[in-house]
Amino acid sequence: MCPPAWWQPPTKRLENIMTIVNFTPWTAVLGGSLLGFSALVLLLVSGRIAGISGILAGFLGPKAGDWLWRALFIAGLMVGAALAFTLGWVTVPSLTAPTPVLLLAGLLVGMGAKLGNGCTSGHGICGMGRLSRRSIAATLTFMATGFITVFVLRHLL
C-alpha cells in the first residue's frame, strides 16, 4: 500500500511544494523591519511583549482591563492579512494535506507554543531582541530542529 500523496518525498511531489512568489531581499528586509519596529513600539509604549501566542492566550482568558489591546492587536493581524491578500501582495498556497492532518498540525503547533512558553516568532523577534537567554536557546533549538528535519526529508527519505 502506497503512502498518501502528501507524504511522498519532495522529489516525487515537486508540483505540490509551496514556493515563494516574487521574493526579493528588499521585501524581507521591509517586512522584518516592520515586525521589529512594531514589537519595539508595543514594548516602549505599553511595556507589553508582542508574542502572538501570549497575546492570543491572554485574549482567550483575559484579566480585567486587559482585553481591548489584545483584541485590537489580533484584529490588526487579520485586517492586515486580508488587505495584503486583497491588494494582491500575497497569494494563498494550496494545501494538499487532508483536513484532519491540518487540524492535528495546528494543534501540535499550539501545544508546542504552550510548552515552549511562546511561539517561534515571539522568541525570535521579541525575546532575542531583549537578549533573553531563554529565547536565544529556544530559537537555536527551533532552527536546529528545522535544519535537521529538512535534511532528513530531503536527503534521507
C-alpha atoms as a PDB file:
ATOM      1  CA  MET A   1       0.000   0.000   0.000  1.00  0.00           C
ATOM      2  CA  CYS A   2       1.451   3.381  -1.030  1.00  0.00           C
ATOM      3  CA  PRO A   3       1.510   6.333   1.370  1.00  0.00           C
ATOM      4  CA  PRO A   4      -0.797   9.262   0.508  1.00  0.00           C
ATOM      5  CA  ALA A   5       0.422  11.871  -1.994  1.00  0.00           C
ATOM      6  CA  TRP A   6       1.058  14.493   0.700  1.00  0.00           C
ATOM      7  CA  TRP A   7       3.558  12.162   2.402  1.00  0.00           C
ATOM      8  CA  GLN A   8       5.703  11.465  -0.678  1.00  0.00           C
ATOM      9  CA  PRO A   9       9.361  12.572  -0.635  1.00  0.00           C
ATOM     10  CA  PRO A  10       9.856  16.078  -2.070  1.00  0.00           C
ATOM     11  CA  THR A  11      11.310  14.779  -5.345  1.00  0.00           C
ATOM     12  CA  LYS A  12       8.048  12.932  -6.034  1.00  0.00           C
ATOM     13  CA  ARG A  13       5.782  15.904  -5.269  1.00  0.00           C
ATOM     14  CA  LEU A  14       7.631  18.938  -6.567  1.00  0.00           C
ATOM     15  CA  GLU A  15       4.443  20.313  -8.070  1.00  0.00           C
ATOM     16  CA  ASN A  16       2.910  20.499  -4.576  1.00  0.00           C
ATOM     17  CA  ILE A  17       5.739  22.356  -2.830  1.00  0.00           C
ATOM     18  CA  MET A  18       4.823  25.862  -1.753  1.00  0.00           C
ATOM     19  CA  THR A  19       7.100  28.352  -3.457  1.00  0.00           C
ATOM     20  CA  ILE A  20       7.950  31.914  -2.596  1.00  0.00           C
ATOM     21  CA  VAL A  21       6.469  34.075  -5.316  1.00  0.00           C
ATOM     22  CA  ASN A  22       8.235  37.304  -6.277  1.00  0.00           C
ATOM     23  CA  PHE A  23      10.727  37.098  -3.412  1.00  0.00           C
ATOM     24  CA  THR A  24      13.244  39.873  -3.180  1.00  0.00           C
ATOM     25  CA  PRO A  25      15.581  40.594  -0.283  1.00  0.00           C
ATOM     26  CA  TRP A  26      14.009  44.039  -0.019  1.00  0.00           C
ATOM     27  CA  THR A  27      10.560  42.688   0.825  1.00  0.00           C
ATOM     28  CA  ALA A  28      12.129  40.510   3.522  1.00  0.00           C
ATOM     29  CA  VAL A  29      14.091  43.457   4.929  1.00  0.00           C
ATOM     30  CA  LEU A  30      10.991  45.675   4.891  1.00  0.00           C
ATOM     31  CA  GLY A  31       8.776  43.020   6.486  1.00  0.00           C
ATOM     32  CA  GLY A  32      11.338  42.152   9.149  1.00  0.00           C
ATOM     33  CA  SER A  33      11.925  45.821   9.916  1.00  0.00           C
ATOM     34  CA  LEU A  34       8.185  46.445  10.289  1.00  0.00           C
ATOM     35  CA  LEU A  35       7.862  43.470  12.634  1.00  0.00           C
ATOM     36  CA  GLY A  36      10.800  44.574  14.751  1.00  0.00           C
ATOM     37  CA  PHE A  37       9.649  48.194  14.826  1.00  0.00           C
ATOM     38  CA  SER A  38       6.114  47.181  15.800  1.00  0.00           C
ATOM     39  CA  ALA A  39       7.394  44.949  18.598  1.00  0.00           C
ATOM     40  CA  LEU A  40       9.634  47.767  19.828  1.00  0.00           C
ATOM     41  CA  VAL A  41       6.793  50.325  19.795  1.00  0.00           C
ATOM     42  CA  LEU A  42       4.488  47.979  21.731  1.00  0.00           C
ATOM     43  CA  LEU A  43       7.231  47.357  24.302  1.00  0.00           C
ATOM     44  CA  LEU A  44       8.122  51.059  24.702  1.00  0.00           C
ATOM     45  CA  VAL A  45       4.555  52.382  24.749  1.00  0.00           C
ATOM     46  CA  SER A  46       2.844  49.760  26.885  1.00  0.00           C
ATOM     47  CA  GLY A  47       5.590  47.572  28.322  1.00  0.00           C
ATOM     48  CA  ARG A  48       3.989  44.576  26.587  1.00  0.00           C
ATOM     49  CA  ILE A  49       5.795  41.897  24.601  1.00  0.00           C
ATOM     50  CA  ALA A  50       4.405  41.261  21.098  1.00  0.00           C
ATOM     51  CA  GLY A  51       4.476  37.461  21.289  1.00  0.00           C
ATOM     52  CA  ILE A  52       1.417  36.321  19.367  1.00  0.00           C
ATOM     53  CA  SER A  53       0.761  33.144  21.337  1.00  0.00           C
ATOM     54  CA  GLY A  54       0.888  35.086  24.612  1.00  0.00           C
ATOM     55  CA  ILE A  55      -1.388  37.810  23.250  1.00  0.00           C
ATOM     56  CA  LEU A  56      -3.871  35.203  22.000  1.00  0.00           C
ATOM     57  CA  ALA A  57      -3.755  33.246  25.272  1.00  0.00           C
ATOM     58  CA  GLY A  58      -4.443  36.440  27.212  1.00  0.00           C
ATOM     59  CA  PHE A  59      -7.297  37.288  24.847  1.00  0.00           C
ATOM     60  CA  LEU A  60      -8.949  33.899  25.383  1.00  0.00           C
ATOM     61  CA  GLY A  61      -8.568  34.121  29.174  1.00  0.00           C
ATOM     62  CA  PRO A  62      -8.391  37.875  29.805  1.00  0.00           C
ATOM     63  CA  LYS A  63      -7.838  39.696  33.061  1.00  0.00           C
ATOM     64  CA  ALA A  64      -9.926  42.764  33.812  1.00  0.00           C
ATOM     65  CA  GLY A  65      -8.850  45.725  31.672  1.00  0.00           C
ATOM     66  CA  ASP A  66      -6.524  43.590  29.569  1.00  0.00           C
ATOM     67  CA  TRP A  67      -8.862  42.591  26.743  1.00  0.00           C
ATOM     68  CA  LEU A  68      -9.133  45.620  24.435  1.00  0.00           C
ATOM     69  CA  TRP A  69      -5.494  45.986  23.380  1.00  0.00           C
ATOM     70  CA  ARG A  70      -5.271  42.244  22.721  1.00  0.00           C
ATOM     71  CA  ALA A  71      -8.471  42.306  20.632  1.00  0.00           C
ATOM     72  CA  LEU A  72      -7.170  45.270  18.626  1.00  0.00           C
ATOM     73  CA  PHE A  73      -3.808  43.583  18.073  1.00  0.00           C
ATOM     74  CA  ILE A  74      -5.422  40.364  16.812  1.00  0.00           C
ATOM     75  CA  ALA A  75      -7.898  42.327  14.660  1.00  0.00           C
ATOM     76  CA  GLY A  76      -4.964  44.237  13.154  1.00  0.00           C
ATOM     77  CA  LEU A  77      -3.283  40.958  12.205  1.00  0.00           C
ATOM     78  CA  MET A  78      -6.423  39.743  10.461  1.00  0.00           C
ATOM     79  CA  VAL A  79      -7.166  43.050   8.733  1.00  0.00           C
ATOM     80  CA  GLY A  80      -3.556  43.361   7.578  1.00  0.00           C
ATOM     81  CA  ALA A  81      -3.582  39.834   6.136  1.00  0.00           C
ATOM     82  CA  ALA A  82      -6.914  40.424   4.403  1.00  0.00           C
ATOM     83  CA  LEU A  83      -5.676  43.728   2.983  1.00  0.00           C
ATOM     84  CA  ALA A  84      -2.437  42.184   1.686  1.00  0.00           C
ATOM     85  CA  PHE A  85      -4.439  39.390   0.037  1.00  0.00           C
ATOM     86  CA  THR A  86      -6.981  41.816  -1.439  1.00  0.00           C
ATOM     87  CA  LEU A  87      -4.249  44.049  -2.887  1.00  0.00           C
ATOM     88  CA  GLY A  88      -2.525  41.016  -4.411  1.00  0.00           C
ATOM     89  CA  TRP A  89       0.621  41.377  -2.327  1.00  0.00           C
ATOM     90  CA  VAL A  90       0.394  37.743  -1.203  1.00  0.00           C
ATOM     91  CA  THR A  91      -1.108  34.575  -2.606  1.00  0.00           C
ATOM     92  CA  VAL A  92      -2.683  31.749  -0.685  1.00  0.00           C
ATOM     93  CA  PRO A  93      -0.750  28.495  -1.103  1.00  0.00           C
ATOM     94  CA  SER A  94      -2.702  25.392  -1.989  1.00  0.00           C
ATOM     95  CA  LEU A  95      -2.699  22.787   0.738  1.00  0.00           C
ATOM     96  CA  THR A  96      -2.835  19.152  -0.296  1.00  0.00           C
ATOM     97  CA  ALA A  97      -2.958  17.535   3.136  1.00  0.00           C
ATOM     98  CA  PRO A  98      -6.326  16.286   4.376  1.00  0.00           C
ATOM     99  CA  THR A  99      -8.220  18.479   6.844  1.00  0.00           C
ATOM    100  CA  PRO A 100      -7.641  16.145   9.835  1.00  0.00           C
ATOM    101  CA  VAL A 101      -3.879  16.315   9.239  1.00  0.00           C
ATOM    102  CA  LEU A 102      -4.012  20.123   9.061  1.00  0.00           C
ATOM    103  CA  LEU A 103      -6.070  20.270  12.278  1.00  0.00           C
ATOM    104  CA  LEU A 104      -3.617  17.940  14.035  1.00  0.00           C
ATOM    105  CA  ALA A 105      -0.700  20.059  12.803  1.00  0.00           C
ATOM    106  CA  GLY A 106      -2.344  23.215  14.154  1.00  0.00           C
ATOM    107  CA  LEU A 107      -2.993  21.535  17.496  1.00  0.00           C
ATOM    108  CA  LEU A 108       0.628  20.387  17.727  1.00  0.00           C
ATOM    109  CA  VAL A 109       1.881  23.894  16.918  1.00  0.00           C
ATOM    110  CA  GLY A 110      -0.336  25.313  19.660  1.00  0.00           C
ATOM    111  CA  MET A 111       0.877  22.711  22.147  1.00  0.00           C
ATOM    112  CA  GLY A 112       4.482  23.442  21.175  1.00  0.00           C
ATOM    113  CA  ALA A 113       3.961  27.161  21.720  1.00  0.00           C
ATOM    114  CA  LYS A 114       2.483  26.433  25.145  1.00  0.00           C
ATOM    115  CA  LEU A 115       5.295  24.037  26.104  1.00  0.00           C
ATOM    116  CA  GLY A 116       7.961  26.433  24.808  1.00  0.00           C
ATOM    117  CA  ASN A 117       6.489  29.409  26.692  1.00  0.00           C
ATOM    118  CA  GLY A 118       5.940  31.186  23.381  1.00  0.00           C
ATOM    119  CA  CYS A 119       5.957  30.690  19.650  1.00  0.00           C
ATOM    120  CA  THR A 120       8.918  30.822  17.308  1.00  0.00           C
ATOM    121  CA  SER A 121       8.205  34.383  16.243  1.00  0.00           C
ATOM    122  CA  GLY A 122       7.800  35.561  19.826  1.00  0.00           C
ATOM    123  CA  HIS A 123      11.115  34.085  20.896  1.00  0.00           C
ATOM    124  CA  GLY A 124      12.882  35.022  17.673  1.00  0.00           C
ATOM    125  CA  ILE A 125      11.711  38.617  17.358  1.00  0.00           C
ATOM    126  CA  CYS A 126      10.779  39.765  20.838  1.00  0.00           C
ATOM    127  CA  GLY A 127      12.871  37.533  23.073  1.00  0.00           C
ATOM    128  CA  MET A 128      16.113  37.741  21.140  1.00  0.00           C
ATOM    129  CA  GLY A 129      15.582  41.489  20.718  1.00  0.00           C
ATOM    130  CA  ARG A 130      15.568  41.741  24.521  1.00  0.00           C
ATOM    131  CA  LEU A 131      18.613  39.423  24.728  1.00  0.00           C
ATOM    132  CA  SER A 132      16.611  36.843  26.688  1.00  0.00           C
ATOM    133  CA  ARG A 133      18.796  33.778  27.231  1.00  0.00           C
ATOM    134  CA  ARG A 134      15.711  31.544  27.274  1.00  0.00           C
ATOM    135  CA  SER A 135      14.575  32.927  23.906  1.00  0.00           C
ATOM    136  CA  ILE A 136      18.032  32.603  22.380  1.00  0.00           C
ATOM    137  CA  ALA A 137      18.169  28.954  23.482  1.00  0.00           C
ATOM    138  CA  ALA A 138      14.629  28.345  22.203  1.00  0.00           C
ATOM    139  CA  THR A 139      15.362  29.963  18.823  1.00  0.00           C
ATOM    140  CA  LEU A 140      18.560  27.949  18.411  1.00  0.00           C
ATOM    141  CA  THR A 141      16.553  24.803  19.196  1.00  0.00           C
ATOM    142  CA  PHE A 142      13.832  25.720  16.662  1.00  0.00           C
ATOM    143  CA  MET A 143      16.389  26.427  13.962  1.00  0.00           C
ATOM    144  CA  ALA A 144      18.423  23.281  14.618  1.00  0.00           C
ATOM    145  CA  THR A 145      15.263  21.164  14.570  1.00  0.00           C
ATOM    146  CA  GLY A 146      14.211  22.773  11.290  1.00  0.00           C
ATOM    147  CA  PHE A 147      17.616  22.159   9.706  1.00  0.00           C
ATOM    148  CA  ILE A 148      17.609  18.515  10.800  1.00  0.00           C
ATOM    149  CA  THR A 149      14.028  17.988   9.594  1.00  0.00           C
ATOM    150  CA  VAL A 150      14.752  19.441   6.157  1.00  0.00           C
ATOM    151  CA  PHE A 151      17.934  17.370   5.870  1.00  0.00           C
ATOM    152  CA  VAL A 152      16.119  14.157   6.789  1.00  0.00           C
ATOM    153  CA  LEU A 153      13.153  14.839   4.480  1.00  0.00           C
ATOM    154  CA  ARG A 154      15.230  15.971   1.505  1.00  0.00           C
ATOM    155  CA  HIS A 155      18.260  13.696   1.728  1.00  0.00           C
ATOM    156  CA  LEU A 156      17.461  10.615   3.788  1.00  0.00           C
ATOM    157  CA  LEU A 157      13.823   9.789   2.941  1.00  0.00           C
END
